[in-house]
PDB file of all heavy atoms in Angstrom:
ATOM      1  N   GLU A   1    -138.548 314.456  30.532  1.00  0.00           N
ATOM      2  CA  GLU A   1    -138.144 315.522  29.608  1.00  0.00           C
ATOM      3  C   GLU A   1    -136.683 315.926  29.862  1.00  0.00           C
ATOM      4  O   GLU A   1    -135.910 316.155  28.937  1.00  0.00           O
ATOM      5  CB  GLU A   1    -139.074 316.727  29.798  1.00  0.00           C
ATOM      6  CG  GLU A   1    -139.208 317.576  28.558  1.00  0.00           C
ATOM      7  CD  GLU A   1    -140.268 318.658  28.709  1.00  0.00           C
ATOM      8  OE1 GLU A   1    -141.310 318.403  29.342  1.00  0.00           O
ATOM      9  OE2 GLU A   1    -140.038 319.758  28.195  1.00  0.00           O
ATOM     10  N   VAL A   2    -136.324 315.994  31.148  1.00  0.00           N
ATOM     11  CA  VAL A   2    -134.941 316.319  31.512  1.00  0.00           C
ATOM     12  C   VAL A   2    -133.996 315.251  30.944  1.00  0.00           C
ATOM     13  O   VAL A   2    -132.951 315.560  30.365  1.00  0.00           O
ATOM     14  CB  VAL A   2    -134.782 316.407  33.054  1.00  0.00           C
ATOM     15  CG1 VAL A   2    -133.325 316.604  33.451  1.00  0.00           C
ATOM     16  CG2 VAL A   2    -135.646 317.538  33.616  1.00  0.00           C
ATOM     17  N   LEU A   3    -134.392 313.988  31.088  1.00  0.00           N
ATOM     18  CA  LEU A   3    -133.556 312.869  30.620  1.00  0.00           C
ATOM     19  C   LEU A   3    -133.363 312.884  29.112  1.00  0.00           C
ATOM     20  O   LEU A   3    -132.297 312.547  28.611  1.00  0.00           O
ATOM     21  CB  LEU A   3    -134.191 311.536  31.009  1.00  0.00           C
ATOM     22  CG  LEU A   3    -133.981 311.059  32.433  1.00  0.00           C
ATOM     23  CD1 LEU A   3    -134.728 309.744  32.625  1.00  0.00           C
ATOM     24  CD2 LEU A   3    -132.506 310.894  32.765  1.00  0.00           C
ATOM     25  N   LYS A   4    -134.420 313.282  28.394  1.00  0.00           N
ATOM     26  CA  LYS A   4    -134.320 313.351  26.939  1.00  0.00           C
ATOM     27  C   LYS A   4    -133.208 314.316  26.541  1.00  0.00           C
ATOM     28  O   LYS A   4    -132.427 314.077  25.636  1.00  0.00           O
ATOM     29  CB  LYS A   4    -135.656 313.830  26.333  1.00  0.00           C
ATOM     30  CG  LYS A   4    -136.431 312.720  25.638  1.00  0.00           C
ATOM     31  CD  LYS A   4    -137.654 313.277  24.911  1.00  0.00           C
ATOM     32  CE  LYS A   4    -138.704 313.746  25.903  1.00  0.00           C
ATOM     33  NZ  LYS A   4    -140.028 313.970  25.362  1.00  0.00           N
ATOM     34  N   ASP A   5    -133.156 315.424  27.264  1.00  0.00           N
ATOM     35  CA  ASP A   5    -132.188 316.474  26.973  1.00  0.00           C
ATOM     36  C   ASP A   5    -130.808 316.144  27.545  1.00  0.00           C
ATOM     37  O   ASP A   5    -129.784 316.504  26.986  1.00  0.00           O
ATOM     38  CB  ASP A   5    -132.713 317.785  27.578  1.00  0.00           C
ATOM     39  CG  ASP A   5    -131.942 318.994  27.084  1.00  0.00           C
ATOM     40  OD1 ASP A   5    -132.083 319.317  25.891  1.00  0.00           O
ATOM     41  OD2 ASP A   5    -131.207 319.598  27.887  1.00  0.00           O
ATOM     42  N   CYS A   6    -130.811 315.468  28.710  1.00  0.00           N
ATOM     43  CA  CYS A   6    -129.558 315.197  29.430  1.00  0.00           C
ATOM     44  C   CYS A   6    -129.593 313.760  29.959  1.00  0.00           C
ATOM     45  O   CYS A   6    -129.929 313.526  31.121  1.00  0.00           O
ATOM     46  CB  CYS A   6    -129.435 316.210  30.582  1.00  0.00           C
ATOM     47  SG  CYS A   6    -127.960 315.991  31.580  1.00  0.00           S
ATOM     48  N   PRO A   7    -129.269 312.773  29.097  1.00  0.00           N
ATOM     49  CA  PRO A   7    -129.382 311.352  29.483  1.00  0.00           C
ATOM     50  C   PRO A   7    -128.523 310.982  30.687  1.00  0.00           C
ATOM     51  O   PRO A   7    -128.808 310.005  31.378  1.00  0.00           O
ATOM     52  CB  PRO A   7    -128.900 310.597  28.239  1.00  0.00           C
ATOM     53  CG  PRO A   7    -128.910 311.587  27.129  1.00  0.00           C
ATOM     54  CD  PRO A   7    -128.771 312.948  27.720  1.00  0.00           C
ATOM     55  N   GLN A   8    -127.485 311.780  30.959  1.00  0.00           N
ATOM     56  CA  GLN A   8    -126.609 311.438  32.092  1.00  0.00           C
ATOM     57  C   GLN A   8    -127.108 312.047  33.407  1.00  0.00           C
ATOM     58  O   GLN A   8    -126.429 311.970  34.426  1.00  0.00           O
ATOM     59  CB  GLN A   8    -125.150 311.842  31.802  1.00  0.00           C
ATOM     60  CG  GLN A   8    -124.868 313.321  31.695  1.00  0.00           C
ATOM     61  CD  GLN A   8    -125.181 313.912  30.315  1.00  0.00           C
ATOM     62  OE1 GLN A   8    -126.075 313.444  29.618  1.00  0.00           O
ATOM     63  NE2 GLN A   8    -124.451 314.945  29.930  1.00  0.00           N
ATOM     64  N   ALA A   9    -128.305 312.635  33.390  1.00  0.00           N
ATOM     65  CA  ALA A   9    -128.880 313.195  34.627  1.00  0.00           C
ATOM     66  C   ALA A   9    -129.345 312.066  35.548  1.00  0.00           C
ATOM     67  O   ALA A   9    -129.881 311.054  35.092  1.00  0.00           O
ATOM     68  CB  ALA A   9    -130.049 314.114  34.294  1.00  0.00           C
ATOM     69  N   ARG A  10    -129.114 312.240  36.846  1.00  0.00           N
ATOM     70  CA  ARG A  10    -129.606 311.300  37.854  1.00  0.00           C
ATOM     71  C   ARG A  10    -130.281 312.088  38.959  1.00  0.00           C
ATOM     72  O   ARG A  10    -129.800 313.161  39.358  1.00  0.00           O
ATOM     73  CB  ARG A  10    -128.450 310.481  38.452  1.00  0.00           C
ATOM     74  CG  ARG A  10    -127.784 309.525  37.464  1.00  0.00           C
ATOM     75  CD  ARG A  10    -128.734 308.429  37.001  1.00  0.00           C
ATOM     76  NE  ARG A  10    -128.148 307.525  36.029  1.00  0.00           N
ATOM     77  CZ  ARG A  10    -128.182 307.701  34.699  1.00  0.00           C
ATOM     78  NH1 ARG A  10    -128.741 308.796  34.191  1.00  0.00           N
ATOM     79  NH2 ARG A  10    -127.659 306.807  33.888  1.00  0.00           N
ATOM     80  N   LEU A  11    -131.378 311.559  39.458  1.00  0.00           N
ATOM     81  CA  LEU A  11    -132.170 312.232  40.481  1.00  0.00           C
ATOM     82  C   LEU A  11    -132.117 311.417  41.765  1.00  0.00           C
ATOM     83  O   LEU A  11    -132.457 310.235  41.772  1.00  0.00           O
ATOM     84  CB  LEU A  11    -133.621 312.362  40.002  1.00  0.00           C
ATOM     85  CG  LEU A  11    -134.633 312.976  40.957  1.00  0.00           C
ATOM     86  CD1 LEU A  11    -134.277 314.422  41.311  1.00  0.00           C
ATOM     87  CD2 LEU A  11    -136.040 312.927  40.340  1.00  0.00           C
ATOM     88  N   VAL A  12    -131.667 312.045  42.857  1.00  0.00           N
ATOM     89  CA  VAL A  12    -131.611 311.358  44.150  1.00  0.00           C
ATOM     90  C   VAL A  12    -132.597 312.037  45.089  1.00  0.00           C
ATOM     91  O   VAL A  12    -132.487 313.236  45.366  1.00  0.00           O
ATOM     92  CB  VAL A  12    -130.189 311.401  44.753  1.00  0.00           C
ATOM     93  CG1 VAL A  12    -130.142 310.575  46.039  1.00  0.00           C
ATOM     94  CG2 VAL A  12    -129.152 310.862  43.756  1.00  0.00           C
ATOM     95  N   LEU A  13    -133.583 311.263  45.554  1.00  0.00           N
ATOM     96  CA  LEU A  13    -134.611 311.793  46.453  1.00  0.00           C
ATOM     97  C   LEU A  13    -134.273 311.404  47.886  1.00  0.00           C
ATOM     98  O   LEU A  13    -134.234 310.221  48.220  1.00  0.00           O
ATOM     99  CB  LEU A  13    -135.987 311.215  46.082  1.00  0.00           C
ATOM    100  CG  LEU A  13    -136.465 311.413  44.642  1.00  0.00           C
ATOM    101  CD1 LEU A  13    -137.811 310.720  44.431  1.00  0.00           C
ATOM    102  CD2 LEU A  13    -136.565 312.898  44.291  1.00  0.00           C
ATOM    103  N   PHE A  14    -134.021 312.403  48.718  1.00  0.00           N
ATOM    104  CA  PHE A  14    -133.772 312.150  50.140  1.00  0.00           C
ATOM    105  C   PHE A  14    -135.046 312.481  50.907  1.00  0.00           C
ATOM    106  O   PHE A  14    -135.575 313.587  50.788  1.00  0.00           O
ATOM    107  CB  PHE A  14    -132.632 313.032  50.661  1.00  0.00           C
ATOM    108  CG  PHE A  14    -131.293 312.671  50.088  1.00  0.00           C
ATOM    109  CD1 PHE A  14    -130.703 313.459  49.118  1.00  0.00           C
ATOM    110  CD2 PHE A  14    -130.627 311.524  50.513  1.00  0.00           C
ATOM    111  CE1 PHE A  14    -129.471 313.123  48.575  1.00  0.00           C
ATOM    112  CE2 PHE A  14    -129.393 311.183  49.979  1.00  0.00           C
ATOM    113  CZ  PHE A  14    -128.813 311.979  49.000  1.00  0.00           C
ATOM    114  N   GLY A  15    -135.522 311.520  51.698  1.00  0.00           N
ATOM    115  CA  GLY A  15    -136.715 311.784  52.495  1.00  0.00           C
ATOM    116  C   GLY A  15    -137.460 310.502  52.778  1.00  0.00           C
ATOM    117  O   GLY A  15    -137.081 309.412  52.329  1.00  0.00           O
ATOM    118  N   GLN A  16    -138.536 310.661  53.529  1.00  0.00           N
ATOM    119  CA  GLN A  16    -139.414 309.526  53.819  1.00  0.00           C
ATOM    120  C   GLN A  16    -140.793 310.110  54.071  1.00  0.00           C
ATOM    121  O   GLN A  16    -140.931 311.314  54.242  1.00  0.00           O
ATOM    122  CB  GLN A  16    -138.904 308.763  55.041  1.00  0.00           C
ATOM    123  CG  GLN A  16    -138.828 309.611  56.297  1.00  0.00           C
ATOM    124  CD  GLN A  16    -138.102 308.922  57.451  1.00  0.00           C
ATOM    125  OE1 GLN A  16    -137.388 307.959  57.261  1.00  0.00           O
ATOM    126  NE2 GLN A  16    -138.283 309.439  58.654  1.00  0.00           N
ATOM    127  N   GLY A  17    -141.795 309.243  54.103  1.00  0.00           N
ATOM    128  CA  GLY A  17    -143.136 309.756  54.389  1.00  0.00           C
ATOM    129  C   GLY A  17    -144.204 308.915  53.727  1.00  0.00           C
ATOM    130  O   GLY A  17    -143.907 307.966  52.997  1.00  0.00           O
ATOM    131  N   PRO A  18    -145.468 309.284  53.988  1.00  0.00           N
ATOM    132  CA  PRO A  18    -146.605 308.470  53.551  1.00  0.00           C
ATOM    133  C   PRO A  18    -146.720 308.307  52.031  1.00  0.00           C
ATOM    134  O   PRO A  18    -147.325 307.359  51.559  1.00  0.00           O
ATOM    135  CB  PRO A  18    -147.829 309.224  54.106  1.00  0.00           C
ATOM    136  CG  PRO A  18    -147.339 310.571  54.510  1.00  0.00           C
ATOM    137  CD  PRO A  18    -145.888 310.447  54.792  1.00  0.00           C
ATOM    138  N   ASP A  19    -146.121 309.219  51.254  1.00  0.00           N
ATOM    139  CA  ASP A  19    -146.249 309.134  49.797  1.00  0.00           C
ATOM    140  C   ASP A  19    -145.205 308.238  49.131  1.00  0.00           C
ATOM    141  O   ASP A  19    -145.149 308.154  47.904  1.00  0.00           O
ATOM    142  CB  ASP A  19    -146.149 310.533  49.167  1.00  0.00           C
ATOM    143  CG  ASP A  19    -147.463 311.290  49.260  1.00  0.00           C
ATOM    144  OD1 ASP A  19    -148.389 310.781  49.921  1.00  0.00           O
ATOM    145  OD2 ASP A  19    -147.549 312.386  48.681  1.00  0.00           O
ATOM    146  N   GLU A  20    -144.391 307.561  49.936  1.00  0.00           N
ATOM    147  CA  GLU A  20    -143.283 306.807  49.330  1.00  0.00           C
ATOM    148  C   GLU A  20    -143.772 305.784  48.299  1.00  0.00           C
ATOM    149  O   GLU A  20    -143.208 305.676  47.205  1.00  0.00           O
ATOM    150  CB  GLU A  20    -142.439 306.104  50.402  1.00  0.00           C
ATOM    151  CG  GLU A  20    -141.262 305.386  49.784  1.00  0.00           C
ATOM    152  CD  GLU A  20    -140.217 304.935  50.794  1.00  0.00           C
ATOM    153  OE1 GLU A  20    -140.174 305.474  51.924  1.00  0.00           O
ATOM    154  OE2 GLU A  20    -139.429 304.035  50.440  1.00  0.00           O
ATOM    155  N   GLN A  21    -144.839 305.059  48.625  1.00  0.00           N
ATOM    156  CA  GLN A  21    -145.323 304.026  47.693  1.00  0.00           C
ATOM    157  C   GLN A  21    -145.800 304.646  46.389  1.00  0.00           C
ATOM    158  O   GLN A  21    -145.517 304.140  45.300  1.00  0.00           O
ATOM    159  CB  GLN A  21    -146.450 303.188  48.326  1.00  0.00           C
ATOM    160  CG  GLN A  21    -145.952 302.137  49.311  1.00  0.00           C
ATOM    161  CD  GLN A  21    -144.632 301.486  48.918  1.00  0.00           C
ATOM    162  OE1 GLN A  21    -143.577 301.749  49.501  1.00  0.00           O
ATOM    163  NE2 GLN A  21    -144.670 300.650  47.884  1.00  0.00           N
ATOM    164  N   SER A  22    -146.513 305.770  46.477  1.00  0.00           N
ATOM    165  CA  SER A  22    -147.018 306.376  45.236  1.00  0.00           C
ATOM    166  C   SER A  22    -145.872 306.978  44.429  1.00  0.00           C
ATOM    167  O   SER A  22    -145.907 306.987  43.196  1.00  0.00           O
ATOM    168  CB  SER A  22    -148.110 307.408  45.529  1.00  0.00           C
ATOM    169  OG  SER A  22    -147.593 308.456  46.310  1.00  0.00           O
ATOM    170  N   ILE A  23    -144.833 307.452  45.107  1.00  0.00           N
ATOM    171  CA  ILE A  23    -143.652 307.970  44.397  1.00  0.00           C
ATOM    172  C   ILE A  23    -142.958 306.822  43.663  1.00  0.00           C
ATOM    173  O   ILE A  23    -142.631 306.927  42.477  1.00  0.00           O
ATOM    174  CB  ILE A  23    -142.690 308.676  45.381  1.00  0.00           C
ATOM    175  CG1 ILE A  23    -143.287 310.020  45.806  1.00  0.00           C
ATOM    176  CG2 ILE A  23    -141.310 308.870  44.758  1.00  0.00           C
ATOM    177  CD1 ILE A  23    -142.543 310.721  46.941  1.00  0.00           C
ATOM    178  N   ARG A  24    -142.783 305.690  44.361  1.00  0.00           N
ATOM    179  CA  ARG A  24    -142.166 304.518  43.708  1.00  0.00           C
ATOM    180  C   ARG A  24    -143.004 304.061  42.513  1.00  0.00           C
ATOM    181  O   ARG A  24    -142.460 303.711  41.453  1.00  0.00           O
ATOM    182  CB  ARG A  24    -142.033 303.356  44.706  1.00  0.00           C
ATOM    183  CG  ARG A  24    -140.901 303.554  45.707  1.00  0.00           C
ATOM    184  CD  ARG A  24    -140.673 302.308  46.569  1.00  0.00           C
ATOM    185  NE  ARG A  24    -139.704 302.586  47.616  1.00  0.00           N
ATOM    186  CZ  ARG A  24    -138.385 302.602  47.438  1.00  0.00           C
ATOM    187  NH1 ARG A  24    -137.874 302.331  46.243  1.00  0.00           N
ATOM    188  NH2 ARG A  24    -137.565 302.878  48.444  1.00  0.00           N
ATOM    189  N   ALA A  25    -144.318 304.083  42.689  1.00  0.00           N
ATOM    190  CA  ALA A  25    -145.211 303.642  41.609  1.00  0.00           C
ATOM    191  C   ALA A  25    -145.091 304.585  40.405  1.00  0.00           C
ATOM    192  O   ALA A  25    -145.056 304.135  39.252  1.00  0.00           O
ATOM    193  CB  ALA A  25    -146.659 303.603  42.110  1.00  0.00           C
ATOM    194  N   GLN A  26    -145.009 305.885  40.659  1.00  0.00           N
ATOM    195  CA  GLN A  26    -144.883 306.849  39.558  1.00  0.00           C
ATOM    196  C   GLN A  26    -143.554 306.661  38.815  1.00  0.00           C
ATOM    197  O   GLN A  26    -143.500 306.723  37.588  1.00  0.00           O
ATOM    198  CB  GLN A  26    -144.998 308.293  40.083  1.00  0.00           C
ATOM    199  CG  GLN A  26    -145.077 309.331  38.960  1.00  0.00           C
ATOM    200  CD  GLN A  26    -145.202 310.764  39.485  1.00  0.00           C
ATOM    201  OE1 GLN A  26    -145.344 310.989  40.684  1.00  0.00           O
ATOM    202  NE2 GLN A  26    -145.148 311.729  38.578  1.00  0.00           N
ATOM    203  N   VAL A  27    -142.484 306.406  39.577  1.00  0.00           N
ATOM    204  CA  VAL A  27    -141.170 306.163  38.968  1.00  0.00           C
ATOM    205  C   VAL A  27    -141.246 304.936  38.042  1.00  0.00           C
ATOM    206  O   VAL A  27    -140.781 304.974  36.898  1.00  0.00           O
ATOM    207  CB  VAL A  27    -140.086 305.954  40.066  1.00  0.00           C
ATOM    208  CG1 VAL A  27    -138.807 305.386  39.468  1.00  0.00           C
ATOM    209  CG2 VAL A  27    -139.805 307.267  40.787  1.00  0.00           C
ATOM    210  N   ALA A  28    -141.876 303.870  38.541  1.00  0.00           N
ATOM    211  CA  ALA A  28    -141.981 302.638  37.747  1.00  0.00           C
ATOM    212  C   ALA A  28    -142.861 302.861  36.513  1.00  0.00           C
ATOM    213  O   ALA A  28    -142.499 302.465  35.399  1.00  0.00           O
ATOM    214  CB  ALA A  28    -142.560 301.521  38.614  1.00  0.00           C
ATOM    215  N   ARG A  29    -143.995 303.535  36.726  1.00  0.00           N
ATOM    216  CA  ARG A  29    -144.958 303.773  35.645  1.00  0.00           C
ATOM    217  C   ARG A  29    -144.333 304.615  34.529  1.00  0.00           C
ATOM    218  O   ARG A  29    -144.611 304.437  33.353  1.00  0.00           O
ATOM    219  CB  ARG A  29    -146.166 304.513  36.239  1.00  0.00           C
ATOM    220  CG  ARG A  29    -147.436 304.443  35.420  1.00  0.00           C
ATOM    221  CD  ARG A  29    -148.631 304.972  36.196  1.00  0.00           C
ATOM    222  NE  ARG A  29    -148.450 306.331  36.679  1.00  0.00           N
ATOM    223  CZ  ARG A  29    -148.428 306.689  37.968  1.00  0.00           C
ATOM    224  NH1 ARG A  29    -148.538 305.767  38.907  1.00  0.00           N
ATOM    225  NH2 ARG A  29    -148.276 307.949  38.322  1.00  0.00           N
ATOM    226  N   THR A  30    -143.477 305.543  34.933  1.00  0.00           N
ATOM    227  CA  THR A  30    -142.888 306.474  33.965  1.00  0.00           C
ATOM    228  C   THR A  30    -141.653 305.866  33.296  1.00  0.00           C
ATOM    229  O   THR A  30    -141.110 306.446  32.357  1.00  0.00           O
ATOM    230  CB  THR A  30    -142.494 307.794  34.693  1.00  0.00           C
ATOM    231  OG1 THR A  30    -143.505 308.102  35.654  1.00  0.00           O
ATOM    232  CG2 THR A  30    -142.424 308.959  33.735  1.00  0.00           C
ATOM    233  N   GLY A  31    -141.188 304.723  33.821  1.00  0.00           N
ATOM    234  CA  GLY A  31    -140.029 304.058  33.216  1.00  0.00           C
ATOM    235  C   GLY A  31    -138.716 304.790  33.444  1.00  0.00           C
ATOM    236  O   GLY A  31    -137.823 304.767  32.603  1.00  0.00           O
ATOM    237  N   ILE A  32    -138.591 305.437  34.607  1.00  0.00           N
ATOM    238  CA  ILE A  32    -137.374 306.226  34.867  1.00  0.00           C
ATOM    239  C   ILE A  32    -136.536 305.627  36.009  1.00  0.00           C
ATOM    240  O   ILE A  32    -135.638 306.280  36.532  1.00  0.00           O
ATOM    241  CB  ILE A  32    -137.726 307.706  35.190  1.00  0.00           C
ATOM    242  CG1 ILE A  32    -138.792 307.781  36.299  1.00  0.00           C
ATOM    243  CG2 ILE A  32    -138.185 308.447  33.948  1.00  0.00           C
ATOM    244  CD1 ILE A  32    -139.164 309.210  36.730  1.00  0.00           C
ATOM    245  N   GLU A  33    -136.813 304.335  36.338  1.00  0.00           N
ATOM    246  CA  GLU A  33    -136.127 303.725  37.503  1.00  0.00           C
ATOM    247  C   GLU A  33    -134.613 303.835  37.435  1.00  0.00           C
ATOM    248  O   GLU A  33    -133.962 304.060  38.453  1.00  0.00           O
ATOM    249  CB  GLU A  33    -136.445 302.223  37.656  1.00  0.00           C
ATOM    250  CG  GLU A  33    -137.867 301.898  37.958  1.00  0.00           C
ATOM    251  CD  GLU A  33    -138.606 301.421  36.721  1.00  0.00           C
ATOM    252  OE1 GLU A  33    -138.346 301.959  35.619  1.00  0.00           O
ATOM    253  OE2 GLU A  33    -139.406 300.494  36.856  1.00  0.00           O
ATOM    254  N   SER A  34    -134.039 303.648  36.238  1.00  0.00           N
ATOM    255  CA  SER A  34    -132.576 303.587  36.161  1.00  0.00           C
ATOM    256  C   SER A  34    -131.931 304.939  36.486  1.00  0.00           C
ATOM    257  O   SER A  34    -130.756 304.996  36.818  1.00  0.00           O
ATOM    258  CB  SER A  34    -132.131 303.112  34.779  1.00  0.00           C
ATOM    259  OG  SER A  34    -132.575 304.038  33.811  1.00  0.00           O
ATOM    260  N   SER A  35    -132.711 306.013  36.419  1.00  0.00           N
ATOM    261  CA  SER A  35    -132.120 307.340  36.650  1.00  0.00           C
ATOM    262  C   SER A  35    -132.555 307.964  37.974  1.00  0.00           C
ATOM    263  O   SER A  35    -132.185 309.099  38.276  1.00  0.00           O
ATOM    264  CB  SER A  35    -132.487 308.278  35.505  1.00  0.00           C
ATOM    265  OG  SER A  35    -133.869 308.577  35.558  1.00  0.00           O
ATOM    266  N   VAL A  36    -133.361 307.260  38.763  1.00  0.00           N
ATOM    267  CA  VAL A  36    -133.862 307.825  40.025  1.00  0.00           C
ATOM    268  C   VAL A  36    -133.430 306.938  41.197  1.00  0.00           C
ATOM    269  O   VAL A  36    -133.493 305.714  41.112  1.00  0.00           O
ATOM    270  CB  VAL A  36    -135.411 307.944  40.018  1.00  0.00           C
ATOM    271  CG1 VAL A  36    -135.926 308.514  41.335  1.00  0.00           C
ATOM    272  CG2 VAL A  36    -135.877 308.833  38.857  1.00  0.00           C
ATOM    273  N   ARG A  37    -132.967 307.575  42.278  1.00  0.00           N
ATOM    274  CA  ARG A  37    -132.625 306.835  43.501  1.00  0.00           C
ATOM    275  C   ARG A  37    -133.501 307.362  44.639  1.00  0.00           C
ATOM    276  O   ARG A  37    -133.551 308.579  44.849  1.00  0.00           O
ATOM    277  CB  ARG A  37    -131.165 307.065  43.899  1.00  0.00           C
ATOM    278  CG  ARG A  37    -130.149 306.936  42.782  1.00  0.00           C
ATOM    279  CD  ARG A  37    -129.714 305.499  42.577  1.00  0.00           C
ATOM    280  NE  ARG A  37    -128.706 305.395  41.552  1.00  0.00           N
ATOM    281  CZ  ARG A  37    -128.969 305.285  40.241  1.00  0.00           C
ATOM    282  NH1 ARG A  37    -130.213 305.301  39.805  1.00  0.00           N
ATOM    283  NH2 ARG A  37    -127.986 305.161  39.364  1.00  0.00           N
ATOM    284  N   LEU A  38    -134.147 306.466  45.361  1.00  0.00           N
ATOM    285  CA  LEU A  38    -134.822 306.862  46.599  1.00  0.00           C
ATOM    286  C   LEU A  38    -133.864 306.507  47.734  1.00  0.00           C
ATOM    287  O   LEU A  38    -133.650 305.333  48.031  1.00  0.00           O
ATOM    288  CB  LEU A  38    -136.161 306.142  46.756  1.00  0.00           C
ATOM    289  CG  LEU A  38    -137.363 306.896  46.157  1.00  0.00           C
ATOM    290  CD1 LEU A  38    -137.295 306.885  44.645  1.00  0.00           C
ATOM    291  CD2 LEU A  38    -138.675 306.287  46.632  1.00  0.00           C
ATOM    292  N   ALA A  39    -133.272 307.525  48.338  1.00  0.00           N
ATOM    293  CA  ALA A  39    -132.150 307.293  49.254  1.00  0.00           C
ATOM    294  C   ALA A  39    -132.546 307.381  50.724  1.00  0.00           C
ATOM    295  O   ALA A  39    -131.682 307.338  51.599  1.00  0.00           O
ATOM    296  CB  ALA A  39    -131.034 308.289  48.945  1.00  0.00           C
ATOM    297  N   GLY A  40    -133.860 307.503  50.988  1.00  0.00           N
ATOM    298  CA  GLY A  40    -134.316 307.507  52.378  1.00  0.00           C
ATOM    299  C   GLY A  40    -133.970 308.784  53.118  1.00  0.00           C
ATOM    300  O   GLY A  40    -133.463 309.755  52.546  1.00  0.00           O
ATOM    301  N   PHE A  41    -134.262 308.797  54.407  1.00  0.00           N
ATOM    302  CA  PHE A  41    -133.971 309.962  55.248  1.00  0.00           C
ATOM    303  C   PHE A  41    -132.518 309.897  55.690  1.00  0.00           C
ATOM    304  O   PHE A  41    -132.035 308.846  56.093  1.00  0.00           O
ATOM    305  CB  PHE A  41    -134.887 309.959  56.477  1.00  0.00           C
ATOM    306  CG  PHE A  41    -134.512 311.004  57.487  1.00  0.00           C
ATOM    307  CD1 PHE A  41    -134.837 312.339  57.278  1.00  0.00           C
ATOM    308  CD2 PHE A  41    -133.801 310.663  58.629  1.00  0.00           C
ATOM    309  CE1 PHE A  41    -134.469 313.315  58.202  1.00  0.00           C
ATOM    310  CE2 PHE A  41    -133.434 311.630  59.560  1.00  0.00           C
ATOM    311  CZ  PHE A  41    -133.776 312.956  59.337  1.00  0.00           C
ATOM    312  N   ARG A  42    -131.791 311.010  55.601  1.00  0.00           N
ATOM    313  CA  ARG A  42    -130.398 311.052  56.063  1.00  0.00           C
ATOM    314  C   ARG A  42    -130.224 312.245  56.985  1.00  0.00           C
ATOM    315  O   ARG A  42    -130.713 313.332  56.684  1.00  0.00           O
ATOM    316  CB  ARG A  42    -129.452 311.261  54.861  1.00  0.00           C
ATOM    317  CG  ARG A  42    -129.546 310.220  53.767  1.00  0.00           C
ATOM    318  CD  ARG A  42    -128.840 308.944  54.102  1.00  0.00           C
ATOM    319  NE  ARG A  42    -127.421 309.143  54.339  1.00  0.00           N
ATOM    320  CZ  ARG A  42    -126.485 308.330  53.882  1.00  0.00           C
ATOM    321  NH1 ARG A  42    -126.802 307.283  53.140  1.00  0.00           N
ATOM    322  NH2 ARG A  42    -125.210 308.548  54.160  1.00  0.00           N
ATOM    323  N   ASN A  43    -129.528 312.021  58.110  1.00  0.00           N
ATOM    324  CA  ASN A  43    -129.261 313.177  58.977  1.00  0.00           C
ATOM    325  C   ASN A  43    -127.820 313.668  58.810  1.00  0.00           C
ATOM    326  O   ASN A  43    -127.342 314.481  59.582  1.00  0.00           O
ATOM    327  CB  ASN A  43    -129.580 312.866  60.448  1.00  0.00           C
ATOM    328  CG  ASN A  43    -128.792 311.672  60.943  1.00  0.00           C
ATOM    329  OD1 ASN A  43    -127.892 311.197  60.251  1.00  0.00           O
ATOM    330  ND2 ASN A  43    -129.119 311.183  62.127  1.00  0.00           N
ATOM    331  N   ASP A  44    -127.134 313.149  57.768  1.00  0.00           N
ATOM    332  CA  ASP A  44    -125.742 313.567  57.544  1.00  0.00           C
ATOM    333  C   ASP A  44    -125.590 314.285  56.197  1.00  0.00           C
ATOM    334  O   ASP A  44    -124.520 314.288  55.587  1.00  0.00           O
ATOM    335  CB  ASP A  44    -124.800 312.352  57.597  1.00  0.00           C
ATOM    336  CG  ASP A  44    -125.163 311.273  56.575  1.00  0.00           C
ATOM    337  OD1 ASP A  44    -126.267 311.335  55.989  1.00  0.00           O
ATOM    338  OD2 ASP A  44    -124.338 310.374  56.351  1.00  0.00           O
TER     339      ASP A  44
END
């Protein structure tokens, strides 16, 4: 819905954990891969 309104929006997810596979699956299922980045855990 955000993308419909703002196509230039990008979402960067910082983190890690047991739900990573289901998050990736939801991103793929929803067809939003090009606008979402899973950037892993960062301490900087």
